[in-house]
Every structure is written in structure tokens, then in C-alpha cells.
Amino acid sequence: MNAFQANAITRALVTDSASEASLLDCVELLEARRQIVCESINACARPTAACDADFNALLAERSALVAALAQLRPLCRGEARIAHPRDDH
């Protein structure tokens, strides 16, 4: 899964009203994927900086997962809410 796929899954889980997945399910999915990416990064032989495309892709995916989790965790804990477009009036 690359960063684009992780973002697409996050959007689908959050915005698809027919989905049975909750925000907590989404956070758990992203956290599980983050763990897998971190383990993959730790298992890699140390590359020459900016020369290993696979390693750099893992770093980019980890960054995207961390960013998505940072946005979703407050929603799951009830610390933030998603504003409805009609609330702006």
C-alpha cells in the first residue's frame, strides 16, 4: 500500500455512508499498516540517502499514515468534530 492508496482508503472509510466501518475501524486499519511499514523500514539494510526508491517509498507512506492518524484520532476521541457544510450559514 502506498501513500495514495492509504489516503484513498481513509477517504472511503470516512465518507462512504454505506460503509459499516467506523472512524475507530479506520484508525485501527491505519495504525496496523503503520506498524507494518515501520517494521519494514527497520528490517531494511540502511540505504544510501535518497538512493533507495523502495526505502524512500516506505518513508513517504509512513509519513502519510502518521498524518492521517493525526487527523482521525481526535475525531475518534470526540475531541474534534466534522463540520457539516450547512453549519457555515
N, C-alpha and C. Protein backbone atom coordinates (compact mmCIF):
# COMPACT_ATOMS: atom_id res chain seq x y z
N MET A 1 0.86 -1.17 0.00
CA MET A 1 0.00 0.00 0.00
C MET A 1 0.90 1.23 0.00
N ASN A 2 0.64 2.12 -0.94
CA ASN A 2 1.41 3.35 -0.96
C ASN A 2 0.61 4.47 -0.30
N ALA A 3 1.21 5.65 -0.24
CA ALA A 3 0.54 6.76 0.44
C ALA A 3 -0.77 7.13 -0.23
N PHE A 4 -0.81 7.07 -1.55
CA PHE A 4 -2.05 7.39 -2.27
C PHE A 4 -3.14 6.39 -1.91
N GLN A 5 -2.79 5.11 -1.86
CA GLN A 5 -3.78 4.08 -1.52
C GLN A 5 -4.27 4.25 -0.09
N ALA A 6 -3.37 4.58 0.83
CA ALA A 6 -3.77 4.79 2.22
C ALA A 6 -4.73 5.96 2.33
N ASN A 7 -4.45 7.04 1.60
CA ASN A 7 -5.35 8.20 1.61
C ASN A 7 -6.70 7.85 1.01
N ALA A 8 -6.70 7.05 -0.06
CA ALA A 8 -7.95 6.67 -0.71
C ALA A 8 -8.79 5.80 0.23
N ILE A 9 -8.14 4.88 0.94
CA ILE A 9 -8.86 4.03 1.89
C ILE A 9 -9.43 4.88 3.01
N THR A 10 -8.64 5.80 3.51
CA THR A 10 -9.12 6.67 4.59
C THR A 10 -10.34 7.46 4.14
N ARG A 11 -10.26 8.07 2.96
CA ARG A 11 -11.41 8.84 2.45
C ARG A 11 -12.62 7.95 2.27
N ALA A 12 -12.42 6.75 1.74
CA ALA A 12 -13.55 5.85 1.51
C ALA A 12 -14.20 5.44 2.82
N LEU A 13 -13.40 5.13 3.82
CA LEU A 13 -13.96 4.71 5.10
C LEU A 13 -14.68 5.85 5.80
N VAL A 14 -14.16 7.05 5.68
CA VAL A 14 -14.75 8.19 6.38
C VAL A 14 -15.98 8.72 5.66
N THR A 15 -15.97 8.72 4.33
CA THR A 15 -17.04 9.39 3.60
C THR A 15 -18.13 8.46 3.08
N ASP A 16 -17.91 7.18 3.04
CA ASP A 16 -18.90 6.25 2.49
C ASP A 16 -19.95 5.95 3.54
N SER A 17 -21.13 6.54 3.38
CA SER A 17 -22.17 6.35 4.38
C SER A 17 -22.69 4.93 4.40
N ALA A 18 -22.50 4.17 3.32
CA ALA A 18 -22.97 2.79 3.29
C ALA A 18 -21.99 1.86 3.99
N SER A 19 -20.81 2.36 4.28
CA SER A 19 -19.78 1.54 4.91
C SER A 19 -20.14 1.25 6.36
N GLU A 20 -19.83 0.05 6.78
CA GLU A 20 -20.07 -0.35 8.16
C GLU A 20 -18.89 0.05 9.05
N ALA A 21 -17.82 0.54 8.43
CA ALA A 21 -16.61 0.88 9.18
C ALA A 21 -16.81 2.18 9.94
N SER A 22 -16.34 2.20 11.16
CA SER A 22 -16.40 3.42 11.96
C SER A 22 -15.04 4.12 11.86
N LEU A 23 -14.98 5.32 12.41
CA LEU A 23 -13.69 6.02 12.44
C LEU A 23 -12.68 5.21 13.24
N LEU A 24 -13.13 4.56 14.30
CA LEU A 24 -12.22 3.74 15.08
C LEU A 24 -11.66 2.60 14.23
N ASP A 25 -12.51 1.99 13.38
CA ASP A 25 -12.04 0.93 12.48
C ASP A 25 -10.98 1.48 11.54
N CYS A 26 -11.21 2.69 11.05
CA CYS A 26 -10.27 3.33 10.13
C CYS A 26 -8.94 3.59 10.83
N VAL A 27 -8.99 4.11 12.03
CA VAL A 27 -7.77 4.37 12.80
C VAL A 27 -7.03 3.06 13.06
N GLU A 28 -7.75 2.02 13.41
CA GLU A 28 -7.10 0.72 13.67
C GLU A 28 -6.45 0.18 12.40
N LEU A 29 -7.11 0.32 11.26
CA LEU A 29 -6.55 -0.12 9.99
C LEU A 29 -5.27 0.65 9.66
N LEU A 30 -5.33 1.97 9.81
CA LEU A 30 -4.15 2.79 9.52
C LEU A 30 -3.02 2.51 10.50
N GLU A 31 -3.35 2.31 11.76
CA GLU A 31 -2.32 2.02 12.76
C GLU A 31 -1.66 0.67 12.47
N ALA A 32 -2.44 -0.32 12.07
CA ALA A 32 -1.87 -1.62 11.73
C ALA A 32 -0.94 -1.50 10.53
N ARG A 33 -1.35 -0.72 9.53
CA ARG A 33 -0.50 -0.52 8.36
C ARG A 33 0.76 0.25 8.73
N ARG A 34 0.64 1.24 9.63
CA ARG A 34 1.81 2.00 10.07
C ARG A 34 2.81 1.07 10.74
N GLN A 35 2.31 0.15 11.55
CA GLN A 35 3.19 -0.81 12.23
C GLN A 35 3.94 -1.67 11.22
N ILE A 36 3.22 -2.13 10.18
CA ILE A 36 3.85 -2.95 9.15
C ILE A 36 4.92 -2.16 8.42
N VAL A 37 4.62 -0.91 8.07
CA VAL A 37 5.60 -0.07 7.37
C VAL A 37 6.82 0.17 8.25
N CYS A 38 6.60 0.46 9.53
CA CYS A 38 7.73 0.69 10.45
C CYS A 38 8.60 -0.55 10.57
N GLU A 39 7.97 -1.72 10.65
CA GLU A 39 8.74 -2.96 10.72
C GLU A 39 9.54 -3.18 9.43
N SER A 40 8.93 -2.84 8.29
CA SER A 40 9.64 -2.98 7.01
C SER A 40 10.83 -2.04 6.94
N ILE A 41 10.64 -0.82 7.44
CA ILE A 41 11.75 0.14 7.46
C ILE A 41 12.87 -0.37 8.35
N ASN A 42 12.53 -0.89 9.52
CA ASN A 42 13.55 -1.39 10.44
C ASN A 42 14.28 -2.60 9.90
N ALA A 43 13.60 -3.40 9.07
CA ALA A 43 14.20 -4.61 8.52
C ALA A 43 15.11 -4.32 7.32
N CYS A 44 14.98 -3.16 6.73
CA CYS A 44 15.80 -2.80 5.56
C CYS A 44 17.25 -2.57 5.96
N ALA A 45 18.13 -2.98 5.06
CA ALA A 45 19.52 -2.60 5.23
C ALA A 45 19.58 -1.09 5.03
N ARG A 46 20.43 -0.42 5.74
CA ARG A 46 20.49 1.04 5.65
C ARG A 46 20.95 1.44 4.26
N PRO A 47 20.09 2.19 3.55
CA PRO A 47 20.43 2.60 2.18
C PRO A 47 21.29 3.85 2.17
N THR A 48 21.83 4.11 0.99
CA THR A 48 22.48 5.39 0.77
C THR A 48 21.37 6.42 0.69
N ALA A 49 21.51 7.50 1.41
CA ALA A 49 20.45 8.51 1.48
C ALA A 49 19.95 8.91 0.09
N ALA A 50 18.61 8.91 -0.05
CA ALA A 50 17.91 9.35 -1.26
C ALA A 50 18.22 8.50 -2.49
N CYS A 51 18.80 7.32 -2.31
CA CYS A 51 19.14 6.48 -3.46
C CYS A 51 18.30 5.21 -3.54
N ASP A 52 17.62 4.84 -2.50
CA ASP A 52 16.85 3.61 -2.48
C ASP A 52 15.36 3.94 -2.61
N ALA A 53 14.81 3.70 -3.78
CA ALA A 53 13.42 4.08 -4.07
C ALA A 53 12.43 3.36 -3.15
N ASP A 54 12.65 2.08 -2.88
CA ASP A 54 11.73 1.33 -2.01
C ASP A 54 11.74 1.89 -0.59
N PHE A 55 12.93 2.14 -0.09
CA PHE A 55 13.05 2.70 1.27
C PHE A 55 12.40 4.07 1.34
N ASN A 56 12.66 4.90 0.33
CA ASN A 56 12.06 6.24 0.30
C ASN A 56 10.54 6.16 0.20
N ALA A 57 10.02 5.18 -0.54
CA ALA A 57 8.57 5.00 -0.65
C ALA A 57 7.98 4.60 0.70
N LEU A 58 8.69 3.74 1.44
CA LEU A 58 8.21 3.37 2.78
C LEU A 58 8.20 4.58 3.72
N LEU A 59 9.23 5.40 3.64
CA LEU A 59 9.26 6.61 4.47
C LEU A 59 8.10 7.55 4.12
N ALA A 60 7.81 7.70 2.83
CA ALA A 60 6.71 8.57 2.40
C ALA A 60 5.37 8.00 2.86
N GLU A 61 5.21 6.68 2.76
CA GLU A 61 3.96 6.05 3.20
C GLU A 61 3.78 6.22 4.71
N ARG A 62 4.87 6.02 5.45
CA ARG A 62 4.78 6.20 6.90
C ARG A 62 4.36 7.62 7.25
N SER A 63 4.91 8.60 6.55
CA SER A 63 4.54 10.00 6.80
C SER A 63 3.06 10.23 6.51
N ALA A 64 2.57 9.67 5.41
CA ALA A 64 1.16 9.83 5.06
C ALA A 64 0.25 9.16 6.10
N LEU A 65 0.65 7.99 6.58
CA LEU A 65 -0.14 7.29 7.60
C LEU A 65 -0.17 8.07 8.91
N VAL A 66 0.97 8.59 9.31
CA VAL A 66 1.05 9.38 10.54
C VAL A 66 0.17 10.62 10.42
N ALA A 67 0.19 11.27 9.26
CA ALA A 67 -0.64 12.46 9.05
C ALA A 67 -2.13 12.11 9.11
N ALA A 68 -2.51 11.01 8.48
CA ALA A 68 -3.92 10.59 8.51
C ALA A 68 -4.35 10.25 9.93
N LEU A 69 -3.50 9.55 10.66
CA LEU A 69 -3.82 9.19 12.05
C LEU A 69 -3.93 10.44 12.92
N ALA A 70 -3.09 11.43 12.68
CA ALA A 70 -3.14 12.66 13.47
C ALA A 70 -4.47 13.38 13.26
N GLN A 71 -5.05 13.25 12.07
CA GLN A 71 -6.33 13.89 11.80
C GLN A 71 -7.50 13.08 12.36
N LEU A 72 -7.40 11.76 12.32
CA LEU A 72 -8.53 10.92 12.71
C LEU A 72 -8.61 10.63 14.21
N ARG A 73 -7.47 10.53 14.87
CA ARG A 73 -7.50 10.20 16.31
C ARG A 73 -8.34 11.18 17.13
N PRO A 74 -8.21 12.51 16.93
CA PRO A 74 -9.05 13.43 17.72
C PRO A 74 -10.55 13.22 17.46
N LEU A 75 -10.91 12.86 16.23
CA LEU A 75 -12.32 12.59 15.93
C LEU A 75 -12.81 11.37 16.70
N CYS A 76 -11.99 10.34 16.76
CA CYS A 76 -12.37 9.13 17.48
C CYS A 76 -12.51 9.37 18.97
N ARG A 77 -11.68 10.24 19.50
CA ARG A 77 -11.74 10.52 20.93
C ARG A 77 -12.80 11.56 21.27
N GLY A 78 -13.48 12.09 20.26
CA GLY A 78 -14.50 13.09 20.49
C GLY A 78 -13.95 14.47 20.79
N GLU A 79 -12.68 14.68 20.50
CA GLU A 79 -12.03 15.97 20.77
C GLU A 79 -12.25 16.95 19.63
N ALA A 80 -12.73 16.47 18.51
CA ALA A 80 -12.98 17.32 17.35
C ALA A 80 -14.23 16.80 16.66
N ARG A 81 -14.81 17.63 15.82
CA ARG A 81 -15.96 17.19 15.06
C ARG A 81 -15.81 17.63 13.63
N ILE A 82 -16.51 16.93 12.76
CA ILE A 82 -16.51 17.28 11.35
C ILE A 82 -17.67 18.23 11.14
N ALA A 83 -17.37 19.43 10.68
CA ALA A 83 -18.41 20.43 10.45
C ALA A 83 -19.23 20.03 9.22
N HIS A 84 -20.52 20.15 9.34
CA HIS A 84 -21.41 19.91 8.21
C HIS A 84 -21.40 21.16 7.34
N PRO A 85 -21.43 21.02 6.02
CA PRO A 85 -21.39 22.20 5.15
C PRO A 85 -22.47 23.21 5.44
N ARG A 86 -23.62 22.76 5.91
CA ARG A 86 -24.71 23.69 6.20
C ARG A 86 -24.49 24.44 7.51
N ASP A 87 -23.53 24.03 8.32
CA ASP A 87 -23.24 24.72 9.58
C ASP A 87 -22.58 26.07 9.36
N ASP A 88 -22.10 26.32 8.15
CA ASP A 88 -21.40 27.58 7.86
C ASP A 88 -22.34 28.77 7.73
N HIS A 89 -23.63 28.54 7.63
CA HIS A 89 -24.60 29.64 7.42
C HIS A 89 -24.91 30.37 8.67
